[in-house]
Each structure stands twice: as C-alpha cells, then as structure tokens.
Amino acid sequence: MLTEIKNRGVEGVCITVCDGLKGLPEAINTVWALAVVQTCIVHLIRNTFRYAARQYWDEMSRDLRLVYTAPSEQIKGC
C-alpha cells in the first residue's frame, strides 16, 4: 500500500504518526528512508496501563496527565 502511494506521486514523507502496528515503522522507512515514525500519544498512554495492576490506573492517569499536558519538558513538582 505504501509503495502504491509513492507510485502515485508522493515523493517524500517527513513524519508519520501510527498506532504501533508491528512492522509499520519498518515498512514506512523502507519506502521513505528519511521519514520519522512516531507512535500516537493516545496509543502510548493506553499501552502504559498494560504494565500496571488495575488498582493503580487512577493514580497513573493523574500523573500522566501532568506529562501529556505539560507545555515543556520541565514539569512543576517533579
């Protein structure tokens, strides 16, 4: 599919945002070698919860909100 898009005239891709589908970043970089592949922030946050027990999800949600709503890398209170 990506090769077909390239064959239709898309010469270069600067950045792509995907959902973490296995093999997709490699496929994108095969077609457009200089493309930066980034995982969608929503998928990153969702996947974070897989590594913790359900009892900690509320606390994690509060803590993560500080990270993804921060205007810069400097977070108050950290």
N, C-alpha and C. Protein backbone atom coordinates (compact mmCIF):
# COMPACT_ATOMS: atom_id res chain seq x y z
N MET A 1 0.82 -1.18 0.00
CA MET A 1 0.00 0.00 0.00
C MET A 1 0.87 1.26 0.00
N LEU A 2 1.92 1.27 0.81
CA LEU A 2 2.80 2.45 0.86
C LEU A 2 3.52 2.67 -0.46
N THR A 3 3.94 1.58 -1.09
CA THR A 3 4.61 1.69 -2.38
C THR A 3 3.64 2.25 -3.41
N GLU A 4 2.39 1.85 -3.35
CA GLU A 4 1.38 2.37 -4.27
C GLU A 4 1.20 3.87 -4.07
N ILE A 5 1.19 4.32 -2.83
CA ILE A 5 1.08 5.75 -2.54
C ILE A 5 2.28 6.48 -3.13
N LYS A 6 3.47 5.92 -2.98
CA LYS A 6 4.67 6.53 -3.56
C LYS A 6 4.58 6.56 -5.08
N ASN A 7 4.10 5.47 -5.67
CA ASN A 7 3.97 5.41 -7.13
C ASN A 7 2.96 6.42 -7.66
N ARG A 8 2.04 6.84 -6.83
CA ARG A 8 1.05 7.85 -7.24
C ARG A 8 1.60 9.26 -7.16
N GLY A 9 2.83 9.40 -6.67
CA GLY A 9 3.46 10.72 -6.72
C GLY A 9 3.93 11.30 -5.40
N VAL A 10 3.70 10.62 -4.30
CA VAL A 10 4.19 11.14 -3.02
C VAL A 10 5.69 10.86 -2.98
N GLU A 11 6.48 11.93 -3.09
CA GLU A 11 7.93 11.76 -3.20
C GLU A 11 8.64 11.66 -1.87
N GLY A 12 8.12 12.35 -0.88
CA GLY A 12 8.79 12.31 0.41
C GLY A 12 7.81 12.49 1.55
N VAL A 13 8.10 11.86 2.64
CA VAL A 13 7.29 11.98 3.85
C VAL A 13 8.23 12.39 4.96
N CYS A 14 7.89 13.47 5.65
CA CYS A 14 8.75 13.96 6.73
C CYS A 14 8.48 13.22 8.04
N ILE A 15 7.20 13.09 8.39
CA ILE A 15 6.84 12.46 9.66
C ILE A 15 5.55 11.67 9.48
N THR A 16 5.49 10.54 10.13
CA THR A 16 4.27 9.73 10.15
C THR A 16 3.91 9.44 11.60
N VAL A 17 2.64 9.39 11.87
CA VAL A 17 2.14 9.05 13.20
C VAL A 17 1.29 7.80 13.04
N CYS A 18 1.64 6.76 13.78
CA CYS A 18 0.91 5.50 13.64
C CYS A 18 0.53 4.96 15.01
N ASP A 19 -0.17 3.85 14.99
CA ASP A 19 -0.73 3.29 16.22
C ASP A 19 0.11 2.21 16.86
N GLY A 20 1.30 1.98 16.38
CA GLY A 20 2.16 0.97 16.97
C GLY A 20 2.01 -0.40 16.33
N LEU A 21 1.35 -0.47 15.19
CA LEU A 21 1.20 -1.73 14.48
C LEU A 21 2.58 -2.29 14.14
N LYS A 22 2.82 -3.53 14.52
CA LYS A 22 4.14 -4.13 14.31
C LYS A 22 4.47 -4.18 12.83
N GLY A 23 5.67 -3.77 12.50
CA GLY A 23 6.15 -3.79 11.13
C GLY A 23 5.86 -2.53 10.35
N LEU A 24 4.92 -1.70 10.81
CA LEU A 24 4.58 -0.49 10.08
C LEU A 24 5.75 0.51 10.02
N PRO A 25 6.44 0.77 11.14
CA PRO A 25 7.57 1.71 11.05
C PRO A 25 8.64 1.24 10.05
N GLU A 26 8.93 -0.05 10.04
CA GLU A 26 9.92 -0.57 9.11
C GLU A 26 9.44 -0.42 7.67
N ALA A 27 8.15 -0.68 7.44
CA ALA A 27 7.60 -0.55 6.09
C ALA A 27 7.66 0.89 5.62
N ILE A 28 7.34 1.82 6.50
CA ILE A 28 7.40 3.24 6.15
C ILE A 28 8.83 3.63 5.79
N ASN A 29 9.78 3.22 6.62
CA ASN A 29 11.19 3.57 6.37
C ASN A 29 11.77 2.86 5.16
N THR A 30 11.18 1.75 4.75
CA THR A 30 11.61 1.09 3.52
C THR A 30 11.23 1.92 2.31
N VAL A 31 10.03 2.50 2.35
CA VAL A 31 9.54 3.30 1.22
C VAL A 31 10.10 4.71 1.27
N TRP A 32 10.11 5.32 2.43
CA TRP A 32 10.63 6.68 2.62
C TRP A 32 11.69 6.63 3.72
N ALA A 33 12.92 6.47 3.32
CA ALA A 33 14.03 6.22 4.25
C ALA A 33 14.23 7.33 5.28
N LEU A 34 13.92 8.56 4.94
CA LEU A 34 14.16 9.67 5.86
C LEU A 34 12.95 10.03 6.73
N ALA A 35 11.85 9.31 6.58
CA ALA A 35 10.65 9.61 7.35
C ALA A 35 10.86 9.31 8.83
N VAL A 36 10.37 10.19 9.67
CA VAL A 36 10.39 9.97 11.12
C VAL A 36 9.07 9.32 11.49
N VAL A 37 9.13 8.21 12.19
CA VAL A 37 7.92 7.48 12.58
C VAL A 37 7.71 7.68 14.07
N GLN A 38 6.52 8.14 14.42
CA GLN A 38 6.20 8.42 15.82
C GLN A 38 4.91 7.70 16.18
N THR A 39 4.84 7.15 17.37
CA THR A 39 3.62 6.50 17.83
C THR A 39 2.68 7.56 18.38
N CYS A 40 1.42 7.43 18.06
CA CYS A 40 0.37 8.34 18.51
C CYS A 40 0.37 8.42 20.04
N ILE A 41 0.25 9.62 20.59
CA ILE A 41 0.29 9.82 22.04
C ILE A 41 -0.84 9.06 22.74
N VAL A 42 -2.01 8.98 22.12
CA VAL A 42 -3.12 8.25 22.71
C VAL A 42 -2.77 6.78 22.86
N HIS A 43 -2.15 6.20 21.84
CA HIS A 43 -1.76 4.80 21.91
C HIS A 43 -0.64 4.58 22.92
N LEU A 44 0.28 5.52 23.02
CA LEU A 44 1.34 5.40 24.02
C LEU A 44 0.77 5.38 25.43
N ILE A 45 -0.18 6.27 25.70
CA ILE A 45 -0.78 6.34 27.03
C ILE A 45 -1.57 5.07 27.33
N ARG A 46 -2.38 4.63 26.37
CA ARG A 46 -3.16 3.40 26.57
C ARG A 46 -2.25 2.21 26.88
N ASN A 47 -1.17 2.11 26.13
CA ASN A 47 -0.26 0.97 26.31
C ASN A 47 0.46 1.01 27.65
N THR A 48 0.62 2.18 28.23
CA THR A 48 1.28 2.33 29.52
C THR A 48 0.53 1.54 30.61
N PHE A 49 -0.78 1.53 30.52
CA PHE A 49 -1.59 0.89 31.56
C PHE A 49 -1.46 -0.62 31.57
N ARG A 50 -1.00 -1.20 30.49
CA ARG A 50 -0.82 -2.65 30.44
C ARG A 50 0.21 -3.14 31.44
N TYR A 51 1.10 -2.26 31.86
CA TYR A 51 2.21 -2.66 32.73
C TYR A 51 1.92 -2.46 34.21
N ALA A 52 0.69 -2.11 34.56
CA ALA A 52 0.35 -1.88 35.97
C ALA A 52 -0.97 -2.57 36.31
N ALA A 53 -1.11 -2.90 37.56
CA ALA A 53 -2.36 -3.50 38.03
C ALA A 53 -3.47 -2.46 37.99
N ARG A 54 -4.70 -2.89 37.80
CA ARG A 54 -5.87 -2.01 37.69
C ARG A 54 -5.97 -1.05 38.87
N GLN A 55 -5.58 -1.48 40.04
CA GLN A 55 -5.70 -0.65 41.24
C GLN A 55 -4.87 0.64 41.15
N TYR A 56 -3.87 0.68 40.27
CA TYR A 56 -3.01 1.87 40.14
C TYR A 56 -3.40 2.78 38.97
N TRP A 57 -4.39 2.40 38.17
CA TRP A 57 -4.72 3.15 36.97
C TRP A 57 -5.17 4.59 37.24
N ASP A 58 -5.95 4.80 38.31
CA ASP A 58 -6.41 6.17 38.61
C ASP A 58 -5.23 7.08 38.96
N GLU A 59 -4.34 6.57 39.77
CA GLU A 59 -3.16 7.34 40.15
C GLU A 59 -2.27 7.60 38.92
N MET A 60 -2.12 6.58 38.10
CA MET A 60 -1.32 6.75 36.88
C MET A 60 -1.93 7.78 35.95
N SER A 61 -3.25 7.77 35.84
CA SER A 61 -3.94 8.74 34.98
C SER A 61 -3.65 10.16 35.43
N ARG A 62 -3.71 10.40 36.73
CA ARG A 62 -3.42 11.74 37.25
C ARG A 62 -1.98 12.14 36.96
N ASP A 63 -1.06 11.21 37.18
CA ASP A 63 0.36 11.52 36.96
C ASP A 63 0.67 11.73 35.48
N LEU A 64 0.10 10.90 34.62
CA LEU A 64 0.35 11.03 33.19
C LEU A 64 -0.24 12.31 32.61
N ARG A 65 -1.36 12.75 33.15
CA ARG A 65 -1.97 13.99 32.66
C ARG A 65 -0.99 15.16 32.78
N LEU A 66 -0.21 15.18 33.86
CA LEU A 66 0.81 16.22 34.02
C LEU A 66 1.83 16.18 32.89
N VAL A 67 2.14 14.98 32.44
CA VAL A 67 3.14 14.82 31.39
C VAL A 67 2.60 15.25 30.03
N TYR A 68 1.45 14.71 29.63
CA TYR A 68 1.00 15.00 28.27
C TYR A 68 0.29 16.34 28.11
N THR A 69 0.05 17.06 29.19
CA THR A 69 -0.48 18.42 29.06
C THR A 69 0.56 19.47 29.37
N ALA A 70 1.78 19.05 29.68
CA ALA A 70 2.85 19.99 30.03
C ALA A 70 3.25 20.83 28.80
N PRO A 71 3.48 22.11 29.00
CA PRO A 71 3.89 22.97 27.89
C PRO A 71 5.35 22.77 27.48
N SER A 72 6.13 22.13 28.35
CA SER A 72 7.54 21.89 28.03
C SER A 72 8.00 20.64 28.80
N GLU A 73 9.28 20.33 28.67
CA GLU A 73 9.82 19.16 29.38
C GLU A 73 9.90 19.39 30.88
N GLN A 74 9.94 20.63 31.33
CA GLN A 74 10.01 20.96 32.74
C GLN A 74 8.64 20.89 33.35
N ILE A 75 8.41 19.95 34.27
CA ILE A 75 7.12 19.76 34.92
C ILE A 75 7.25 20.18 36.37
N LYS A 76 6.34 21.05 36.80
CA LYS A 76 6.36 21.50 38.19
C LYS A 76 6.12 20.33 39.13
N GLY A 77 6.87 20.29 40.20
CA GLY A 77 6.69 19.27 41.22
C GLY A 77 7.43 17.96 40.94
N CYS A 78 8.17 17.91 39.86
CA CYS A 78 8.89 16.66 39.55
C CYS A 78 10.37 16.84 39.76
